[in-house]
Amino acid sequence: MIVSSLSLVMIFYAIPRQIKKNYRDGKCGMDIWVIILAVSIFIARAVFSFNKAFSGAVYLYVPDAAGALINFVVLLQYFGFFLGGERK
């Protein structure tokens, strides 16, 4: 249960702050491989916990699915700033 709680803190506090900082600075300060790693880990964990939902891993599904979606926003920001250039 503590893992789920810490994951929720990271997902709903730390990552939105990174999104806000990226928007304010007009660029994504994270490396693409870190973003891809985070997205892929959250997706893999969400798929795993969804498949194991009947055996008691449903408490992991909510933070992992939310983490995948929120990290996907960071990935979109990266490509938006990378392809469109830095926002002035």
Protein backbone atom coordinates (compact mmCIF):
# COMPACT_ATOMS: atom_id res chain seq x y z
CA MET A 1 0.00 0.00 0.00
CA ILE A 2 2.89 2.39 0.66
CA VAL A 3 4.19 1.84 -2.88
CA SER A 4 0.81 2.85 -4.26
CA SER A 5 0.75 5.95 -2.04
CA LEU A 6 4.24 7.06 -3.03
CA SER A 7 3.43 6.44 -6.67
CA LEU A 8 0.33 8.61 -6.37
CA VAL A 9 2.38 11.42 -4.80
CA MET A 10 4.83 11.29 -7.69
CA ILE A 11 2.08 11.10 -10.30
CA PHE A 12 -0.17 13.83 -8.96
CA TYR A 13 2.45 16.18 -7.51
CA ALA A 14 5.88 15.78 -9.11
CA ILE A 15 4.96 15.11 -12.75
CA PRO A 16 2.37 17.93 -12.99
CA ARG A 17 4.99 20.29 -11.56
CA GLN A 18 7.35 19.14 -14.34
CA ILE A 19 4.62 19.76 -16.92
CA LYS A 20 4.04 23.25 -15.52
CA LYS A 21 7.79 23.97 -15.52
CA ASN A 22 8.12 22.76 -19.11
CA TYR A 23 5.28 25.03 -20.15
CA ARG A 24 6.66 28.01 -18.24
CA ASP A 25 10.18 27.56 -19.66
CA GLY A 26 8.94 26.84 -23.16
CA LYS A 27 11.07 23.71 -23.47
CA CYS A 28 11.21 20.21 -22.06
CA GLY A 29 14.19 19.87 -19.75
CA MET A 30 14.06 16.10 -19.60
CA ASP A 31 15.92 13.73 -21.89
CA ILE A 32 13.72 11.77 -24.31
CA TRP A 33 15.01 8.43 -23.04
CA VAL A 34 14.00 9.22 -19.46
CA ILE A 35 10.50 10.10 -20.62
CA ILE A 36 10.21 6.97 -22.78
CA LEU A 37 11.50 4.82 -19.92
CA ALA A 38 8.93 6.26 -17.49
CA VAL A 39 6.05 5.86 -19.94
CA SER A 40 7.02 2.29 -20.80
CA ILE A 41 7.43 1.30 -17.14
CA PHE A 42 4.02 2.74 -16.21
CA ILE A 43 2.37 1.05 -19.22
CA ALA A 44 4.00 -2.31 -18.44
CA ARG A 45 3.00 -2.10 -14.78
CA ALA A 46 -0.55 -1.06 -15.68
CA VAL A 47 -0.92 -3.98 -18.08
CA PHE A 48 0.52 -6.36 -15.48
CA SER A 49 -1.73 -5.12 -12.68
CA PHE A 50 -4.77 -5.18 -14.97
CA ASN A 51 -4.06 -8.81 -15.87
CA LYS A 52 -3.56 -9.68 -12.20
CA ALA A 53 -6.58 -7.66 -11.04
CA PHE A 54 -8.44 -10.74 -9.92
CA SER A 55 -5.54 -11.82 -7.72
CA GLY A 56 -5.32 -8.63 -5.68
CA ALA A 57 -3.11 -6.24 -7.70
CA VAL A 58 -5.93 -3.87 -8.58
CA TYR A 59 -4.56 -1.22 -6.19
CA LEU A 60 -1.57 -0.82 -8.53
CA TYR A 61 -3.67 -0.31 -11.65
CA VAL A 62 -5.01 3.16 -10.82
CA PRO A 63 -1.67 4.90 -10.13
CA ASP A 64 0.07 3.12 -12.99
CA ALA A 65 -2.61 3.93 -15.55
CA ALA A 66 -2.69 7.55 -14.35
CA GLY A 67 1.11 7.69 -14.43
CA ALA A 68 1.19 6.43 -17.99
CA LEU A 69 -1.31 9.09 -19.08
CA ILE A 70 0.42 11.94 -17.25
CA ASN A 71 3.87 10.91 -18.49
CA PHE A 72 2.42 10.72 -21.99
CA VAL A 73 1.63 14.45 -21.61
CA VAL A 74 5.33 15.08 -20.88
CA LEU A 75 6.19 13.05 -23.98
CA LEU A 76 3.80 15.17 -26.05
CA GLN A 77 5.38 18.31 -24.60
CA TYR A 78 8.81 17.05 -25.57
CA PHE A 79 7.79 16.44 -29.17
CA GLY A 80 5.82 19.69 -29.29
CA PHE A 81 8.79 21.74 -28.16
CA PHE A 82 11.26 19.64 -30.16
CA LEU A 83 9.36 19.83 -33.43
CA GLY A 84 7.95 23.32 -32.95
CA GLY A 85 11.05 24.82 -31.37
CA GLU A 86 11.27 26.57 -28.04
CA ARG A 87 8.32 28.74 -27.12
CA LYS A 88 9.30 32.38 -26.63
